[in-house]
Protein backbone atom coordinates (compact mmCIF):
# COMPACT_ATOMS: atom_id res chain seq x y z
CA MET A 1 100.41 7.57 15.11
CA PRO A 2 101.88 10.56 13.29
CA PRO A 3 99.76 12.04 10.52
CA ARG A 4 100.28 10.50 7.14
CA PRO A 5 101.42 13.12 4.59
CA ARG A 6 99.09 13.45 1.63
CA ARG A 7 100.38 16.67 0.14
CA SER A 8 100.70 15.38 -3.43
CA ALA A 9 98.94 12.48 -5.11
CA LEU A 10 100.29 11.61 -8.56
CA TYR A 11 97.91 10.03 -11.06
CA LEU A 12 99.49 7.77 -13.65
CA PRO A 13 98.14 5.24 -16.14
CA ALA A 14 98.51 1.68 -14.82
CA SER A 15 99.20 0.64 -18.43
CA ASN A 16 102.47 2.62 -18.47
CA ALA A 17 105.25 0.46 -17.00
CA ARG A 18 107.89 3.20 -17.32
CA ALA A 19 105.68 5.74 -15.47
CA ILE A 20 105.16 3.21 -12.67
CA ALA A 21 108.88 2.65 -12.38
CA LYS A 22 109.58 6.36 -12.34
CA ALA A 23 106.87 7.02 -9.73
CA GLN A 24 108.88 4.88 -7.29
CA THR A 25 111.64 7.50 -7.34
CA LEU A 26 109.50 10.70 -7.19
CA ASP A 27 108.71 12.65 -4.04
CA ALA A 28 104.93 12.32 -4.26
CA ASP A 29 103.27 11.29 -1.00
CA MET A 30 100.72 9.21 -2.90
CA VAL A 31 100.61 7.40 -6.23
CA ILE A 32 97.27 6.68 -7.83
CA LEU A 33 97.50 3.94 -10.49
CA ASP A 34 94.60 4.77 -12.82
CA LEU A 35 92.48 2.12 -14.62
CA GLU A 36 89.75 4.59 -15.54
CA ASP A 37 90.16 7.82 -17.50
CA ALA A 38 93.89 7.34 -18.39
CA VAL A 39 93.43 3.89 -20.00
CA ALA A 40 91.87 3.23 -23.36
CA PRO A 41 89.13 0.53 -23.49
CA GLU A 42 91.29 -1.92 -25.46
CA ALA A 43 94.04 -1.63 -22.76
CA LYS A 44 91.84 -2.05 -19.66
CA ALA A 45 92.53 -5.77 -19.05
CA ASP A 46 96.29 -5.37 -19.42
CA ALA A 47 96.32 -2.26 -17.21
CA ARG A 48 94.40 -4.18 -14.53
CA ALA A 49 96.93 -6.99 -14.50
CA ALA A 50 99.77 -4.41 -14.46
CA ALA A 51 98.28 -2.58 -11.52
CA ALA A 52 97.79 -5.71 -9.50
CA ALA A 53 101.42 -6.82 -10.20
CA ALA A 54 102.74 -3.39 -9.27
CA VAL A 55 100.96 -3.52 -5.94
CA ARG A 56 102.20 -7.00 -5.20
CA GLU A 57 105.76 -6.20 -6.18
CA GLY A 58 105.91 -3.08 -4.06
CA GLY A 59 108.85 -0.72 -4.32
CA PHE A 60 106.91 2.43 -3.52
CA GLY A 61 108.51 2.96 -0.11
CA ARG A 62 106.69 5.45 2.09
CA ARG A 63 104.37 6.43 -0.76
CA GLU A 64 100.71 5.57 -0.24
CA LEU A 65 99.68 3.39 -3.17
CA ILE A 66 96.07 3.77 -4.39
CA VAL A 67 94.42 2.19 -7.41
CA ARG A 68 91.50 3.87 -9.17
CA ILE A 69 89.19 1.27 -10.63
CA ASN A 70 86.51 1.65 -13.27
CA ALA A 71 82.95 2.25 -12.03
CA LEU A 72 81.07 -0.95 -11.23
CA THR A 73 78.45 0.06 -13.81
CA THR A 74 81.04 -0.40 -16.57
CA GLU A 75 82.02 -3.77 -18.12
CA TRP A 76 85.46 -3.52 -16.38
CA GLY A 77 84.48 -2.46 -12.86
CA ILE A 78 83.76 -5.68 -11.12
CA ALA A 79 86.89 -7.45 -12.54
CA ASP A 80 88.99 -4.43 -11.56
CA LEU A 81 87.64 -4.51 -7.98
CA ARG A 82 88.27 -8.22 -7.50
CA ALA A 83 91.77 -8.18 -8.95
CA ILE A 84 92.92 -5.03 -7.12
CA ALA A 85 91.28 -5.93 -3.81
CA ALA A 86 93.05 -9.30 -3.89
CA ALA A 87 96.40 -7.47 -4.37
CA GLU A 88 95.66 -5.32 -1.29
CA PRO A 89 96.90 -1.80 -2.05
CA ASP A 90 96.73 1.01 0.53
CA GLY A 91 93.38 1.98 -0.92
CA ILE A 92 90.96 1.69 -3.82
CA LEU A 93 89.61 4.81 -5.39
CA VAL A 94 86.02 4.50 -6.60
CA PRO A 95 84.82 6.81 -9.41
CA LYS A 96 81.33 8.16 -9.97
CA VAL A 97 80.15 7.72 -6.39
CA ASP A 98 76.60 9.10 -6.30
CA SER A 99 75.61 7.85 -2.82
CA PRO A 100 76.80 5.93 0.20
CA HIS A 101 74.98 2.90 -1.23
CA ALA A 102 77.46 2.86 -4.10
CA LEU A 103 80.33 2.36 -1.69
CA ALA A 104 78.33 -0.29 0.15
CA ASP A 105 77.99 -2.16 -3.17
CA VAL A 106 81.75 -1.99 -3.71
CA ARG A 107 82.42 -3.20 -0.15
CA SER A 108 80.06 -6.12 -0.52
CA LEU A 109 82.05 -7.40 -3.48
CA MET A 110 85.42 -7.18 -1.71
CA GLY A 111 87.10 -9.91 0.27
CA THR A 112 89.41 -7.53 2.11
CA ALA A 113 89.09 -4.55 4.44
CA THR A 114 91.16 -2.28 2.04
CA PRO A 115 90.16 1.35 2.62
CA LEU A 116 87.92 2.89 -0.03
CA TRP A 117 88.34 6.36 -1.39
CA ALA A 118 85.51 8.14 -3.18
CA MET A 119 85.70 10.55 -6.12
CA VAL A 120 83.54 13.67 -5.75
CA GLU A 121 82.70 14.22 -9.41
CA THR A 122 78.99 14.05 -9.98
CA CYS A 123 76.15 16.38 -9.32
CA ALA A 124 74.17 13.63 -7.65
CA CYS A 125 76.77 13.15 -4.88
CA LEU A 126 76.77 16.81 -3.71
CA PRO A 127 73.59 16.68 -1.55
CA VAL A 128 74.86 13.50 0.21
CA LEU A 129 78.47 14.27 0.74
CA HIS A 130 78.26 13.97 4.53
CA ALA A 131 76.70 10.49 4.16
CA ILE A 132 79.42 9.40 1.72
CA ALA A 133 82.10 10.74 3.97
CA GLY A 134 80.67 8.90 6.89
CA VAL A 135 80.76 5.42 5.31
CA THR A 136 82.73 3.00 7.53
CA GLY A 137 86.21 2.33 6.21
CA LEU A 138 86.36 5.37 3.97
CA GLY A 139 89.97 6.60 3.56
CA GLY A 140 89.06 9.92 2.00
CA LEU A 141 87.43 12.03 -0.68
CA VAL A 142 89.08 13.14 -3.92
CA MET A 143 87.76 16.01 -5.94
CA GLY A 144 87.09 15.22 -9.63
CA THR A 145 86.69 18.72 -10.87
CA ASN A 146 86.99 17.81 -14.59
CA ASP A 147 84.04 15.39 -14.53
CA LEU A 148 82.12 17.74 -12.27
CA ALA A 149 82.60 20.66 -14.64
CA LEU A 150 81.34 18.51 -17.53
CA GLU A 151 78.19 17.59 -15.63
CA MET A 152 77.56 21.10 -14.38
CA ARG A 153 78.38 22.68 -17.78
CA ALA A 154 80.68 24.97 -15.74
CA ARG A 155 84.00 26.35 -16.82
CA LEU A 156 87.29 25.61 -15.02
CA LEU A 157 88.50 29.22 -14.85
CA PRO A 158 91.46 30.54 -12.92
CA GLY A 159 90.21 30.95 -9.35
CA ARG A 160 87.60 28.19 -9.86
CA ALA A 161 84.69 30.47 -8.81
CA PRO A 162 81.93 28.01 -9.91
CA PHE A 163 83.34 25.31 -7.63
CA LEU A 164 84.06 27.15 -4.46
CA PRO A 165 80.84 25.99 -2.72
CA VAL A 166 81.61 22.36 -3.70
CA LEU A 167 85.21 22.54 -2.47
CA THR A 168 84.03 23.90 0.88
CA ALA A 169 81.34 21.26 1.19
CA ALA A 170 83.73 18.43 0.49
CA VAL A 171 86.35 19.64 3.04
CA ALA A 172 83.59 20.05 5.66
CA ALA A 173 82.14 16.54 4.99
CA ALA A 174 85.53 14.93 5.26
CA ARG A 175 86.46 16.79 8.45
CA ALA A 176 83.14 15.93 10.06
CA HIS A 177 84.02 12.25 9.79
CA GLY A 178 87.78 12.28 10.21
CA ALA A 179 88.45 11.44 6.55
CA ALA A 180 91.23 12.83 4.29
CA VAL A 181 90.32 15.04 1.37
CA LEU A 182 92.36 15.87 -1.76
CA ASP A 183 91.87 18.76 -4.16
CA GLY A 184 91.25 18.11 -7.89
CA VAL A 185 93.86 18.36 -10.68
CA CYS A 186 95.11 21.41 -12.59
CA ASN A 187 95.06 20.43 -16.24
CA ASP A 188 97.65 22.95 -17.41
CA PHE A 189 100.83 21.39 -16.02
CA THR A 190 103.00 23.85 -17.97
CA ASP A 191 101.63 26.85 -16.02
CA LEU A 192 103.24 26.33 -12.54
CA ASP A 193 102.15 29.80 -11.43
CA ARG A 194 98.52 28.92 -11.92
CA PHE A 195 99.11 25.51 -10.34
CA ARG A 196 100.71 27.04 -7.24
CA ALA A 197 97.83 29.45 -6.95
CA GLU A 198 95.39 26.50 -6.99
CA CYS A 199 97.49 24.75 -4.35
CA GLU A 200 97.44 27.83 -2.14
CA GLN A 201 93.69 28.07 -2.62
CA GLY A 202 93.23 24.41 -1.76
CA ARG A 203 95.41 24.71 1.34
CA ASP A 204 93.43 27.71 2.51
CA PHE A 205 90.23 25.71 2.09
CA GLY A 206 91.63 22.99 4.28
CA PHE A 207 92.52 20.21 1.80
CA ASP A 208 95.20 17.79 2.83
CA GLY A 209 96.83 17.92 -0.54
CA LYS A 210 96.17 17.96 -4.26
CA THR A 211 96.06 15.42 -7.04
CA VAL A 212 98.62 16.03 -9.79
CA ILE A 213 99.13 14.79 -13.34
CA HIS A 214 102.83 15.64 -13.93
CA PRO A 215 106.04 15.22 -11.96
CA ALA A 216 106.79 18.93 -12.30
CA GLN A 217 103.72 19.67 -10.12
CA ILE A 218 105.00 17.58 -7.15
CA ALA A 219 107.59 19.94 -5.64
CA PRO A 220 105.32 23.09 -5.50
CA CYS A 221 102.46 20.93 -4.24
CA ASN A 222 104.61 19.57 -1.36
CA ALA A 223 105.89 23.02 -0.53
CA VAL A 224 102.42 24.61 -0.32
CA PHE A 225 100.71 21.82 1.59
CA GLY A 226 103.62 21.15 3.95
CA PRO A 227 103.96 23.23 7.13
CA SER A 228 105.68 26.57 6.46
CA THR A 229 108.57 28.01 8.55
CA GLU A 230 106.16 30.53 10.06
CA GLU A 231 103.56 27.83 10.92
CA LEU A 232 106.23 25.73 12.63
CA ALA A 233 107.47 28.68 14.61
CA TRP A 234 103.93 29.36 15.79
CA ALA A 235 103.44 25.66 16.60
CA ASP A 236 106.61 25.55 18.68
CA ALA A 237 105.59 28.69 20.54
CA VAL A 238 102.18 27.29 21.38
CA ILE A 239 103.62 23.87 22.50
CA ALA A 240 106.19 25.61 24.60
CA ALA A 241 103.58 27.84 26.24
CA PHE A 242 101.35 24.96 27.29
CA ASP A 243 104.36 23.01 28.52
CA GLN A 244 105.00 25.66 31.18
CA PRO A 245 103.99 24.25 34.61
CA GLU A 246 101.97 27.32 35.40
CA ASN A 247 99.81 26.70 32.30
CA ALA A 248 99.16 23.00 32.97
CA ASP A 249 95.57 23.51 33.98
CA LYS A 250 94.74 26.43 31.74
CA GLY A 251 92.37 26.31 28.79
CA ALA A 252 93.88 29.38 27.13
CA VAL A 253 97.26 31.16 27.31
CA ARG A 254 98.85 34.17 25.78
CA VAL A 255 101.33 33.58 22.92
CA ASP A 256 103.03 36.45 21.11
CA GLY A 257 100.32 38.84 22.26
CA ARG A 258 97.37 36.63 21.21
CA MET A 259 95.13 34.26 23.14
CA VAL A 260 95.60 30.65 22.21
CA GLU A 261 93.25 27.87 23.31
CA ARG A 262 93.94 24.18 23.83
CA LEU A 263 92.28 23.36 20.49
CA HIS A 264 95.16 25.36 18.95
CA LEU A 265 97.60 23.14 20.85
CA GLU A 266 96.15 20.12 19.02
CA GLU A 267 96.79 21.83 15.63
CA ALA A 268 100.25 22.80 16.72
CA LEU A 269 101.12 19.26 17.63
CA ARG A 270 99.67 18.04 14.31
CA LEU A 271 101.83 20.47 12.35
CA ARG A 272 104.99 19.56 14.25
CA ALA A 273 104.31 15.82 13.78
CA LEU A 274 103.56 16.34 10.04
CA ALA A 275 106.85 18.25 9.67
CA GLY A 276 108.70 15.34 11.21
CA VAL A 277 107.18 12.81 8.93
CA THR A 278 107.77 14.73 5.75
CA ALA A 279 111.41 15.47 6.73
CA ALA A 280 112.13 11.80 7.25
């Protein structure tokens, strides 16, 4: 199977019917219908019903449709989980995941095998990130840098220095278990230069993509997290080199004056496949 593009994941409130309709026309790879932070308490029940209806009605095309529920410890969490699991979206995003046991509790209440995604947004989850990422049926990790900053009493400064160790740990945990991992949001959606810089930082760290909060952030996000012209040229050169009959049994070959191993061939094939999917 070709890799599924997850360059951009657009959060939108499930209570906003116009936003849901618009999201079906946008170029985001993922849409996250939010029942948690973006929905006021008095609107939670209506948002839940709207999210379930949106999932059932479809219309999102190739976009991966995820629903973020409220935590099970809240008065809305269990009702959210049951309603959304029954609608069978592409995934359910669980907030405030402190341990792998929290995901086990969610799974025990579900009647489907819908993939679970976990927010990385509490101090308690950081020492057990590998265990969380290793939970069976986990689709991926999503950085919740706003909540994490609040708990840590840290500042979300340009460059995000206080969070660099956490970002690295989350990517490493996800990669160790073959899970996807998405970077956190950039709150200032009017400053696209800062947003692009965060995208480039996240790409360099190894994230698959980034969560976004405004349609204007989608295009730069896709551009940064998609394979570049230079990367594809490198990938094609590596693939061509290993396709040569004389290199069939070699573990390493020379490409453009540099030694390239077969592990680089795997990355080259992934980039070429990703480019094919995103161009479709």
